PDB file of N, CA and C in Angstrom:
ATOM      1  N   MET A   1      -9.590  91.752  -9.229  1.00  0.00           N
ATOM      2  CA  MET A   1      -9.960  90.395  -9.583  1.00  0.00           C
ATOM      3  C   MET A   1     -11.299  90.376 -10.316  1.00  0.00           C
ATOM      4  N   ARG A   2     -12.219  91.215  -9.878  1.00  0.00           N
ATOM      5  CA  ARG A   2     -13.528  91.278 -10.499  1.00  0.00           C
ATOM      6  C   ARG A   2     -13.416  91.723 -11.958  1.00  0.00           C
ATOM      7  N   ALA A   3     -12.542  92.651 -12.271  1.00  0.00           N
ATOM      8  CA  ALA A   3     -12.344  93.126 -13.636  1.00  0.00           C
ATOM      9  C   ALA A   3     -11.838  92.001 -14.525  1.00  0.00           C
ATOM     10  N   ASN A   4     -10.964  91.132 -14.012  1.00  0.00           N
ATOM     11  CA  ASN A   4     -10.456  90.004 -14.796  1.00  0.00           C
ATOM     12  C   ASN A   4     -11.577  89.034 -15.145  1.00  0.00           C
ATOM     13  N   LYS A   5     -12.483  88.767 -14.228  1.00  0.00           N
ATOM     14  CA  LYS A   5     -13.602  87.866 -14.508  1.00  0.00           C
ATOM     15  C   LYS A   5     -14.493  88.452 -15.601  1.00  0.00           C
ATOM     16  N   PHE A   6     -14.692  89.775 -15.539  1.00  0.00           N
ATOM     17  CA  PHE A   6     -15.521  90.432 -16.542  1.00  0.00           C
ATOM     18  C   PHE A   6     -14.865  90.336 -17.916  1.00  0.00           C
ATOM     19  N   VAL A   7     -13.584  90.550 -17.989  1.00  0.00           N
ATOM     20  CA  VAL A   7     -12.854  90.481 -19.253  1.00  0.00           C
ATOM     21  C   VAL A   7     -12.872  89.054 -19.799  1.00  0.00           C
ATOM     22  N   LEU A   8     -12.766  88.067 -18.944  1.00  0.00           N
ATOM     23  CA  LEU A   8     -12.802  86.678 -19.378  1.00  0.00           C
ATOM     24  C   LEU A   8     -14.200  86.270 -19.838  1.00  0.00           C
ATOM     25  N   SER A   9     -15.245  86.868 -19.268  1.00  0.00           N
ATOM     26  CA  SER A   9     -16.601  86.475 -19.644  1.00  0.00           C
ATOM     27  C   SER A   9     -17.033  87.102 -20.975  1.00  0.00           C
ATOM     28  N   LEU A  10     -16.437  88.198 -21.387  1.00  0.00           N
ATOM     29  CA  LEU A  10     -16.786  88.815 -22.661  1.00  0.00           C
ATOM     30  C   LEU A  10     -16.546  87.874 -23.847  1.00  0.00           C
ATOM     31  N   PRO A  11     -15.398  87.210 -23.940  1.00  0.00           N
ATOM     32  CA  PRO A  11     -15.229  86.270 -25.054  1.00  0.00           C
ATOM     33  C   PRO A  11     -16.234  85.119 -25.004  1.00  0.00           C
ATOM     34  N   ALA A  12     -16.591  84.673 -23.821  1.00  0.00           N
ATOM     35  CA  ALA A  12     -17.571  83.591 -23.709  1.00  0.00           C
ATOM     36  C   ALA A  12     -18.929  84.050 -24.238  1.00  0.00           C
ATOM     37  N   VAL A  13     -19.329  85.270 -23.915  1.00  0.00           N
ATOM     38  CA  VAL A  13     -20.586  85.812 -24.419  1.00  0.00           C
ATOM     39  C   VAL A  13     -20.519  85.949 -25.937  1.00  0.00           C
ATOM     40  N   GLY A  14     -19.385  86.408 -26.438  1.00  0.00           N
ATOM     41  CA  GLY A  14     -19.209  86.546 -27.886  1.00  0.00           C
ATOM     42  C   GLY A  14     -19.331  85.210 -28.596  1.00  0.00           C
ATOM     43  N   LEU A  15     -18.733  84.164 -28.043  1.00  0.00           N
ATOM     44  CA  LEU A  15     -18.835  82.831 -28.634  1.00  0.00           C
ATOM     45  C   LEU A  15     -20.273  82.324 -28.606  1.00  0.00           C
ATOM     46  N   LEU A  16     -20.962  82.577 -27.527  1.00  0.00           N
ATOM     47  CA  LEU A  16     -22.345  82.153 -27.412  1.00  0.00           C
ATOM     48  C   LEU A  16     -23.228  82.853 -28.452  1.00  0.00           C
ATOM     49  N   LEU A  17     -23.058  84.158 -28.600  1.00  0.00           N
ATOM     50  CA  LEU A  17     -23.836  84.903 -29.593  1.00  0.00           C
ATOM     51  C   LEU A  17     -23.520  84.438 -31.015  1.00  0.00           C
ATOM     52  N   THR A  18     -22.264  84.154 -31.289  1.00  0.00           N
ATOM     53  CA  THR A  18     -21.872  83.653 -32.607  1.00  0.00           C
ATOM     54  C   THR A  18     -22.525  82.306 -32.883  1.00  0.00           C
ATOM     55  N   ALA A  19     -22.536  81.434 -31.894  1.00  0.00           N
ATOM     56  CA  ALA A  19     -23.150  80.111 -32.066  1.00  0.00           C
ATOM     57  C   ALA A  19     -24.656  80.239 -32.283  1.00  0.00           C
ATOM     58  N   LEU A  20     -25.321  81.113 -31.545  1.00  0.00           N
ATOM     59  CA  LEU A  20     -26.760  81.296 -31.717  1.00  0.00           C
ATOM     60  C   LEU A  20     -27.091  81.882 -33.081  1.00  0.00           C
ATOM     61  N   THR A  21     -26.302  82.842 -33.528  1.00  0.00           N
ATOM     62  CA  THR A  21     -26.524  83.448 -34.838  1.00  0.00           C
ATOM     63  C   THR A  21     -26.312  82.423 -35.944  1.00  0.00           C
ATOM     64  N   ALA A  22     -25.292  81.612 -35.841  1.00  0.00           N
ATOM     65  CA  ALA A  22     -25.036  80.577 -36.842  1.00  0.00           C
ATOM     66  C   ALA A  22     -26.174  79.566 -36.865  1.00  0.00           C
ATOM     67  N   GLN A  23     -26.695  79.223 -35.712  1.00  0.00           N
ATOM     68  CA  GLN A  23     -27.796  78.264 -35.636  1.00  0.00           C
ATOM     69  C   GLN A  23     -29.050  78.839 -36.289  1.00  0.00           C
ATOM     70  N   GLN A  24     -29.329  80.106 -36.054  1.00  0.00           N
ATOM     71  CA  GLN A  24     -30.506  80.726 -36.648  1.00  0.00           C
ATOM     72  C   GLN A  24     -30.378  80.807 -38.164  1.00  0.00           C
ATOM     73  N   SER A  25     -29.205  81.132 -38.678  1.00  0.00           N
ATOM     74  CA  SER A  25     -29.056  81.304 -40.116  1.00  0.00           C
ATOM     75  C   SER A  25     -29.106  79.979 -40.867  1.00  0.00           C
ATOM     76  N   THR A  26     -28.823  78.865 -40.197  1.00  0.00           N
ATOM     77  CA  THR A  26     -28.897  77.577 -40.883  1.00  0.00           C
ATOM     78  C   THR A  26     -30.276  76.947 -40.783  1.00  0.00           C
ATOM     79  N   SER A  27     -31.157  77.494 -39.947  1.00  0.00           N
ATOM     80  CA  SER A  27     -32.488  76.911 -39.798  1.00  0.00           C
ATOM     81  C   SER A  27     -33.530  77.755 -40.535  1.00  0.00           C
ATOM     82  N   THR A  28     -33.256  78.049 -41.804  1.00  0.00           N
ATOM     83  CA  THR A  28     -34.192  78.839 -42.589  1.00  0.00           C
ATOM     84  C   THR A  28     -35.331  77.956 -43.064  1.00  0.00           C
ATOM     85  N   THR A  29     -36.429  78.577 -43.378  1.00  0.00           N
ATOM     86  CA  THR A  29     -37.604  77.871 -43.852  1.00  0.00           C
ATOM     87  C   THR A  29     -37.772  78.155 -45.327  1.00  0.00           C
ATOM     88  N   GLU A  30     -37.969  77.118 -46.100  1.00  0.00           N
ATOM     89  CA  GLU A  30     -38.203  77.260 -47.540  1.00  0.00           C
ATOM     90  C   GLU A  30     -39.599  77.830 -47.747  1.00  0.00           C
ATOM     91  N   LEU A  31     -39.763  78.633 -48.792  1.00  0.00           N
ATOM     92  CA  LEU A  31     -41.076  79.193 -49.105  1.00  0.00           C
ATOM     93  C   LEU A  31     -42.103  78.078 -49.246  1.00  0.00           C
ATOM     94  N   GLY A  32     -43.270  78.279 -48.684  1.00  0.00           N
ATOM     95  CA  GLY A  32     -44.349  77.303 -48.773  1.00  0.00           C
ATOM     96  C   GLY A  32     -44.271  76.195 -47.748  1.00  0.00           C
ATOM     97  N   ALA A  33     -43.192  76.130 -46.997  1.00  0.00           N
ATOM     98  CA  ALA A  33     -43.017  75.074 -45.994  1.00  0.00           C
ATOM     99  C   ALA A  33     -43.455  75.583 -44.623  1.00  0.00           C
ATOM    100  N   PRO A  34     -43.819  74.681 -43.730  1.00  0.00           N
ATOM    101  CA  PRO A  34     -44.177  75.124 -42.378  1.00  0.00           C
ATOM    102  C   PRO A  34     -42.955  75.655 -41.629  1.00  0.00           C
ATOM    103  N   LEU A  35     -43.189  76.512 -40.681  1.00  0.00           N
ATOM    104  CA  LEU A  35     -42.101  77.033 -39.857  1.00  0.00           C
ATOM    105  C   LEU A  35     -41.513  75.916 -39.009  1.00  0.00           C
ATOM    106  N   PRO A  36     -40.224  75.973 -38.741  1.00  0.00           N
ATOM    107  CA  PRO A  36     -39.637  74.950 -37.870  1.00  0.00           C
ATOM    108  C   PRO A  36     -40.145  75.105 -36.441  1.00  0.00           C
ATOM    109  N   GLY A  37     -40.245  73.989 -35.747  1.00  0.00           N
ATOM    110  CA  GLY A  37     -40.617  74.004 -34.339  1.00  0.00           C
ATOM    111  C   GLY A  37     -42.106  73.952 -34.067  1.00  0.00           C
ATOM    112  N   LEU A  38     -42.925  73.689 -35.090  1.00  0.00           N
ATOM    113  CA  LEU A  38     -44.358  73.586 -34.848  1.00  0.00           C
ATOM    114  C   LEU A  38     -44.674  72.316 -34.071  1.00  0.00           C
ATOM    115  N   THR A  39     -45.702  72.389 -33.248  1.00  0.00           N
ATOM    116  CA  THR A  39     -46.160  71.181 -32.556  1.00  0.00           C
ATOM    117  C   THR A  39     -46.856  70.295 -33.585  1.00  0.00           C
ATOM    118  N   SER A  40     -47.156  69.068 -33.215  1.00  0.00           N
ATOM    119  CA  SER A  40     -47.832  68.164 -34.145  1.00  0.00           C
ATOM    120  C   SER A  40     -49.219  68.698 -34.499  1.00  0.00           C
ATOM    121  N   ASP A  41     -49.906  69.331 -33.545  1.00  0.00           N
ATOM    122  CA  ASP A  41     -51.213  69.914 -33.815  1.00  0.00           C
ATOM    123  C   ASP A  41     -51.094  71.093 -34.784  1.00  0.00           C
ATOM    124  N   GLN A  42     -50.109  71.942 -34.578  1.00  0.00           N
ATOM    125  CA  GLN A  42     -49.905  73.082 -35.467  1.00  0.00           C
ATOM    126  C   GLN A  42     -49.523  72.618 -36.876  1.00  0.00           C
ATOM    127  N   LEU A  43     -48.702  71.603 -36.969  1.00  0.00           N
ATOM    128  CA  LEU A  43     -48.310  71.074 -38.265  1.00  0.00           C
ATOM    129  C   LEU A  43     -49.511  70.474 -38.995  1.00  0.00           C
ATOM    130  N   ALA A  44     -50.369  69.777 -38.267  1.00  0.00           N
ATOM    131  CA  ALA A  44     -51.580  69.213 -38.865  1.00  0.00           C
ATOM    132  C   ALA A  44     -52.495  70.328 -39.376  1.00  0.00           C
ATOM    133  N   ARG A  45     -52.617  71.405 -38.615  1.00  0.00           N
ATOM    134  CA  ARG A  45     -53.441  72.549 -39.035  1.00  0.00           C
ATOM    135  C   ARG A  45     -52.835  73.232 -40.256  1.00  0.00           C
ATOM    136  N   PHE A  46     -51.515  73.352 -40.295  1.00  0.00           N
ATOM    137  CA  PHE A  46     -50.842  73.946 -41.464  1.00  0.00           C
ATOM    138  C   PHE A  46     -51.127  73.106 -42.708  1.00  0.00           C
ATOM    139  N   THR A  47     -50.974  71.797 -42.591  1.00  0.00           N
ATOM    140  CA  THR A  47     -51.182  70.896 -43.725  1.00  0.00           C
ATOM    141  C   THR A  47     -52.633  70.948 -44.195  1.00  0.00           C
ATOM    142  N   GLU A  48     -53.572  70.969 -43.251  1.00  0.00           N
ATOM    143  CA  GLU A  48     -54.988  71.060 -43.605  1.00  0.00           C
ATOM    144  C   GLU A  48     -55.283  72.370 -44.332  1.00  0.00           C
ATOM    145  N   GLY A  49     -54.732  73.467 -43.834  1.00  0.00           N
ATOM    146  CA  GLY A  49     -54.924  74.761 -44.479  1.00  0.00           C
ATOM    147  C   GLY A  49     -54.312  74.807 -45.865  1.00  0.00           C
ATOM    148  N   GLN A  50     -53.154  74.185 -46.034  1.00  0.00           N
ATOM    149  CA  GLN A  50     -52.505  74.146 -47.341  1.00  0.00           C
ATOM    150  C   GLN A  50     -53.342  73.334 -48.330  1.00  0.00           C
ATOM    151  N   ASP A  51     -53.935  72.242 -47.866  1.00  0.00           N
ATOM    152  CA  ASP A  51     -54.809  71.438 -48.731  1.00  0.00           C
ATOM    153  C   ASP A  51     -56.029  72.242 -49.185  1.00  0.00           C
ATOM    154  N   VAL A  52     -56.664  72.958 -48.249  1.00  0.00           N
ATOM    155  CA  VAL A  52     -57.832  73.768 -48.585  1.00  0.00           C
ATOM    156  C   VAL A  52     -57.433  74.884 -49.554  1.00  0.00           C
ATOM    157  N   PHE A  53     -56.273  75.473 -49.346  1.00  0.00           N
ATOM    158  CA  PHE A  53     -55.771  76.554 -50.194  1.00  0.00           C
ATOM    159  C   PHE A  53     -55.584  76.085 -51.636  1.00  0.00           C
ATOM    160  N   GLN A  54     -55.240  74.805 -51.829  1.00  0.00           N
ATOM    161  CA  GLN A  54     -54.989  74.260 -53.158  1.00  0.00           C
ATOM    162  C   GLN A  54     -56.229  73.613 -53.786  1.00  0.00           C
ATOM    163  N   GLU A  55     -57.300  73.485 -53.016  1.00  0.00           N
ATOM    164  CA  GLU A  55     -58.517  72.833 -53.492  1.00  0.00           C
ATOM    165  C   GLU A  55     -59.167  73.643 -54.614  1.00  0.00           C
ATOM    166  N   VAL A  56     -59.566  72.954 -55.676  1.00  0.00           N
ATOM    167  CA  VAL A  56     -60.251  73.604 -56.790  1.00  0.00           C
ATOM    168  C   VAL A  56     -61.714  73.788 -56.413  1.00  0.00           C
ATOM    169  N   GLU A  57     -62.207  75.019 -56.529  1.00  0.00           N
ATOM    170  CA  GLU A  57     -63.561  75.362 -56.144  1.00  0.00           C
ATOM    171  C   GLU A  57     -64.443  75.511 -57.393  1.00  0.00           C
ATOM    172  N   THR A  58     -65.731  75.383 -57.196  1.00  0.00           N
ATOM    173  CA  THR A  58     -66.713  75.591 -58.266  1.00  0.00           C
ATOM    174  C   THR A  58     -67.769  76.559 -57.770  1.00  0.00           C
ATOM    175  N   VAL A  59     -68.655  76.965 -58.650  1.00  0.00           N
ATOM    176  CA  VAL A  59     -69.753  77.840 -58.254  1.00  0.00           C
ATOM    177  C   VAL A  59     -70.605  77.151 -57.194  1.00  0.00           C
ATOM    178  N   GLU A  60     -70.795  75.850 -57.348  1.00  0.00           N
ATOM    179  CA  GLU A  60     -71.584  75.095 -56.375  1.00  0.00           C
ATOM    180  C   GLU A  60     -70.936  75.118 -54.979  1.00  0.00           C
ATOM    181  N   ASP A  61     -69.609  75.231 -54.940  1.00  0.00           N
ATOM    182  CA  ASP A  61     -68.897  75.302 -53.662  1.00  0.00           C
ATOM    183  C   ASP A  61     -68.963  76.693 -53.044  1.00  0.00           C
ATOM    184  N   GLY A  62     -69.404  77.672 -53.847  1.00  0.00           N
ATOM    185  CA  GLY A  62     -69.481  79.036 -53.351  1.00  0.00           C
ATOM    186  C   GLY A  62     -68.488  79.980 -54.005  1.00  0.00           C
ATOM    187  N   LEU A  63     -67.827  79.532 -55.076  1.00  0.00           N
ATOM    188  CA  LEU A  63     -66.882  80.405 -55.781  1.00  0.00           C
ATOM    189  C   LEU A  63     -67.655  81.572 -56.368  1.00  0.00           C
ATOM    190  N   GLY A  64     -67.259  82.777 -56.015  1.00  0.00           N
ATOM    191  CA  GLY A  64     -67.998  83.964 -56.426  1.00  0.00           C
ATOM    192  C   GLY A  64     -67.432  84.642 -57.661  1.00  0.00           C
ATOM    193  N   PRO A  65     -67.996  85.772 -58.026  1.00  0.00           N
ATOM    194  CA  PRO A  65     -67.645  86.440 -59.279  1.00  0.00           C
ATOM    195  C   PRO A  65     -66.346  87.236 -59.247  1.00  0.00           C
ATOM    196  N   VAL A  66     -65.724  87.403 -58.094  1.00  0.00           N
ATOM    197  CA  VAL A  66     -64.519  88.235 -58.036  1.00  0.00           C
ATOM    198  C   VAL A  66     -63.221  87.424 -58.054  1.00  0.00           C
ATOM    199  N   PHE A  67     -63.299  86.139 -58.318  1.00  0.00           N
ATOM    200  CA  PHE A  67     -62.107  85.306 -58.358  1.00  0.00           C
ATOM    201  C   PHE A  67     -61.610  85.174 -59.793  1.00  0.00           C
ATOM    202  N   ASN A  68     -60.294  85.194 -59.972  1.00  0.00           N
ATOM    203  CA  ASN A  68     -59.702  85.057 -61.295  1.00  0.00           C
ATOM    204  C   ASN A  68     -59.513  83.601 -61.689  1.00  0.00           C
ATOM    205  N   GLU A  69     -59.370  82.733 -60.724  1.00  0.00           N
ATOM    206  CA  GLU A  69     -59.097  81.315 -60.961  1.00  0.00           C
ATOM    207  C   GLU A  69     -59.960  80.479 -60.023  1.00  0.00           C
ATOM    208  N   ALA A  70     -59.834  79.156 -60.137  1.00  0.00           N
ATOM    209  CA  ALA A  70     -60.682  78.256 -59.351  1.00  0.00           C
ATOM    210  C   ALA A  70     -60.032  77.770 -58.054  1.00  0.00           C
ATOM    211  N   SER A  71     -58.828  78.226 -57.746  1.00  0.00           N
ATOM    212  CA  SER A  71     -58.226  77.888 -56.457  1.00  0.00           C
ATOM    213  C   SER A  71     -57.315  79.028 -56.026  1.00  0.00           C
ATOM    214  N   CYS A  72     -57.148  79.172 -54.738  1.00  0.00           N
ATOM    215  CA  CYS A  72     -56.258  80.218 -54.216  1.00  0.00           C
ATOM    216  C   CYS A  72     -54.838  80.023 -54.719  1.00  0.00           C
ATOM    217  N   ALA A  73     -54.401  78.757 -54.740  1.00  0.00           N
ATOM    218  CA  ALA A  73     -53.014  78.449 -55.101  1.00  0.00           C
ATOM    219  C   ALA A  73     -52.690  78.768 -56.551  1.00  0.00           C
ATOM    220  N   THR A  74     -53.695  78.860 -57.420  1.00  0.00           N
ATOM    221  CA  THR A  74     -53.423  79.182 -58.822  1.00  0.00           C
ATOM    222  C   THR A  74     -52.751  80.546 -58.940  1.00  0.00           C
ATOM    223  N   CYS A  75     -53.217  81.512 -58.172  1.00  0.00           N
ATOM    224  CA  CYS A  75     -52.630  82.852 -58.216  1.00  0.00           C
ATOM    225  C   CYS A  75     -51.525  83.036 -57.175  1.00  0.00           C
ATOM    226  N   HIS A  76     -51.695  82.406 -56.025  1.00  0.00           N
ATOM    227  CA  HIS A  76     -50.741  82.606 -54.930  1.00  0.00           C
ATOM    228  C   HIS A  76     -49.681  81.514 -54.937  1.00  0.00           C
ATOM    229  N   ILE A  77     -48.770  81.635 -55.891  1.00  0.00           N
ATOM    230  CA  ILE A  77     -47.662  80.686 -56.025  1.00  0.00           C
ATOM    231  C   ILE A  77     -46.404  81.491 -56.291  1.00  0.00           C
ATOM    232  N   THR A  78     -45.314  81.126 -55.679  1.00  0.00           N
ATOM    233  CA  THR A  78     -44.067  81.873 -55.749  1.00  0.00           C
ATOM    234  C   THR A  78     -42.946  80.942 -56.177  1.00  0.00           C
ATOM    235  N   ALA A  79     -42.039  81.444 -56.979  1.00  0.00           N
ATOM    236  CA  ALA A  79     -40.869  80.658 -57.379  1.00  0.00           C
ATOM    237  C   ALA A  79     -39.928  80.530 -56.182  1.00  0.00           C
ATOM    238  N   ALA A  80     -39.495  79.303 -55.916  1.00  0.00           N
ATOM    239  CA  ALA A  80     -38.550  79.034 -54.827  1.00  0.00           C
ATOM    240  C   ALA A  80     -37.418  78.191 -55.381  1.00  0.00           C
ATOM    241  N   SER A  81     -36.363  78.043 -54.604  1.00  0.00           N
ATOM    242  CA  SER A  81     -35.207  77.272 -55.070  1.00  0.00           C
ATOM    243  C   SER A  81     -35.545  75.806 -55.311  1.00  0.00           C
ATOM    244  N   THR A  82     -36.595  75.311 -54.651  1.00  0.00           N
ATOM    245  CA  THR A  82     -36.991  73.908 -54.831  1.00  0.00           C
ATOM    246  C   THR A  82     -38.114  73.746 -55.838  1.00  0.00           C
ATOM    247  N   GLY A  83     -38.505  74.835 -56.500  1.00  0.00           N
ATOM    248  CA  GLY A  83     -39.602  74.796 -57.462  1.00  0.00           C
ATOM    249  C   GLY A  83     -40.721  75.696 -56.995  1.00  0.00           C
ATOM    250  N   PRO A  84     -41.875  75.633 -57.668  1.00  0.00           N
ATOM    251  CA  PRO A  84     -42.996  76.493 -57.259  1.00  0.00           C
ATOM    252  C   PRO A  84     -43.432  76.210 -55.830  1.00  0.00           C
ATOM    253  N   ALA A  85     -43.671  77.267 -55.075  1.00  0.00           N
ATOM    254  CA  ALA A  85     -44.104  77.135 -53.680  1.00  0.00           C
ATOM    255  C   ALA A  85     -45.473  77.763 -53.524  1.00  0.00           C
ATOM    256  N   VAL A  86     -46.390  77.025 -52.951  1.00  0.00           N
ATOM    257  CA  VAL A  86     -47.742  77.521 -52.734  1.00  0.00           C
ATOM    258  C   VAL A  86     -47.707  78.558 -51.620  1.00  0.00           C
ATOM    259  N   GLY A  87     -48.370  79.663 -51.870  1.00  0.00           N
ATOM    260  CA  GLY A  87     -48.384  80.780 -50.929  1.00  0.00           C
ATOM    261  C   GLY A  87     -47.645  81.955 -51.538  1.00  0.00           C
ATOM    262  N   GLY A  88     -47.815  83.097 -50.980  1.00  0.00           N
ATOM    263  CA  GLY A  88     -47.117  84.263 -51.492  1.00  0.00           C
ATOM    264  C   GLY A  88     -47.876  84.925 -52.619  1.00  0.00           C
ATOM    265  N   THR A  89     -47.152  85.411 -53.586  1.00  0.00           N
ATOM    266  CA  THR A  89     -47.753  86.203 -54.644  1.00  0.00           C
ATOM    267  C   THR A  89     -47.128  85.852 -55.983  1.00  0.00           C
ATOM    268  N   ASN A  90     -47.505  86.574 -57.003  1.00  0.00           N
ATOM    269  CA  ASN A  90     -46.928  86.382 -58.331  1.00  0.00           C
ATOM    270  C   ASN A  90     -46.868  87.722 -59.032  1.00  0.00           C
ATOM    271  N   GLY A  91     -46.563  87.730 -60.309  1.00  0.00           N
ATOM    272  CA  GLY A  91     -46.453  88.975 -61.051  1.00  0.00           C
ATOM    273  C   GLY A  91     -47.721  89.383 -61.772  1.00  0.00           C
ATOM    274  N   ARG A  92     -48.827  88.744 -61.479  1.00  0.00           N
ATOM    275  CA  ARG A  92     -50.082  89.083 -62.162  1.00  0.00           C
ATOM    276  C   ARG A  92     -50.584  90.467 -61.768  1.00  0.00           C
ATOM    277  N   LEU A  93     -51.137  91.143 -62.749  1.00  0.00           N
ATOM    278  CA  LEU A  93     -51.812  92.408 -62.496  1.00  0.00           C
ATOM    279  C   LEU A  93     -53.301  92.127 -62.465  1.00  0.00           C
ATOM    280  N   GLU A  94     -53.930  92.495 -61.395  1.00  0.00           N
ATOM    281  CA  GLU A  94     -55.362  92.226 -61.249  1.00  0.00           C
ATOM    282  C   GLU A  94     -56.144  93.504 -61.524  1.00  0.00           C
ATOM    283  N   THR A  95     -57.068  93.411 -62.433  1.00  0.00           N
ATOM    284  CA  THR A  95     -57.947  94.537 -62.776  1.00  0.00           C
ATOM    285  C   THR A  95     -59.384  94.107 -62.564  1.00  0.00           C
ATOM    286  N   ARG A  96     -60.149  94.915 -61.886  1.00  0.00           N
ATOM    287  CA  ARG A  96     -61.562  94.612 -61.674  1.00  0.00           C
ATOM    288  C   ARG A  96     -62.392  95.723 -62.284  1.00  0.00           C
ATOM    289  N   PHE A  97     -63.481  95.334 -62.887  1.00  0.00           N
ATOM    290  CA  PHE A  97     -64.393  96.279 -63.505  1.00  0.00           C
ATOM    291  C   PHE A  97     -65.734  96.209 -62.782  1.00  0.00           C
ATOM    292  N   GLY A  98     -66.437  97.287 -62.759  1.00  0.00           N
ATOM    293  CA  GLY A  98     -67.740  97.300 -62.124  1.00  0.00           C
ATOM    294  C   GLY A  98     -68.618  98.354 -62.773  1.00  0.00           C
ATOM    295  N   ALA A  99     -69.850  98.337 -62.388  1.00  0.00           N
ATOM    296  CA  ALA A  99     -70.808  99.313 -62.898  1.00  0.00           C
ATOM    297  C   ALA A  99     -71.672  99.797 -61.753  1.00  0.00           C
ATOM    298  N   THR A 100     -72.075 101.009 -61.831  1.00  0.00           N
ATOM    299  CA  THR A 100     -72.985 101.534 -60.828  1.00  0.00           C
ATOM    300  C   THR A 100     -74.384 101.622 -61.449  1.00  0.00           C
ATOM    301  N   THR A 101     -75.340 101.451 -60.620  1.00  0.00           N
ATOM    302  CA  THR A 101     -76.738 101.549 -61.087  1.00  0.00           C
ATOM    303  C   THR A 101     -77.452 102.611 -60.279  1.00  0.00           C
ATOM    304  N   SER A 102     -78.445 103.168 -60.848  1.00  0.00           N
ATOM    305  CA  SER A 102     -79.243 104.176 -60.130  1.00  0.00           C
ATOM    306  C   SER A 102     -80.241 103.467 -59.229  1.00  0.00           C
ATOM    307  N   ALA A 103     -80.369 103.962 -58.040  1.00  0.00           N
ATOM    308  CA  ALA A 103     -81.315 103.340 -57.106  1.00  0.00           C
ATOM    309  C   ALA A 103     -82.649 104.005 -57.139  1.00  0.00           C
TER     310      ALA A 103
END
């Protein structure tokens, strides 16, 4: 009798795993979007960070000599199915030059 219960429970486990896998595959996150399931505090922090990431900086704000552009988002933008997504990378090649001086 115990073997029959085990055999009957295997299909139930299989159905459960199939349902969980289907649920995970439909809850994908678009590039640049917050992860699903964030608390309201986490979502607020994500939005604040995204705003700062897109903010245009100046020398007066502290923009230094090693930046190629005036905002992080200018370089860190990725093509997504919904259009450009802030975050990630791009195809730019970054080259830096420097000089050494005698002390």
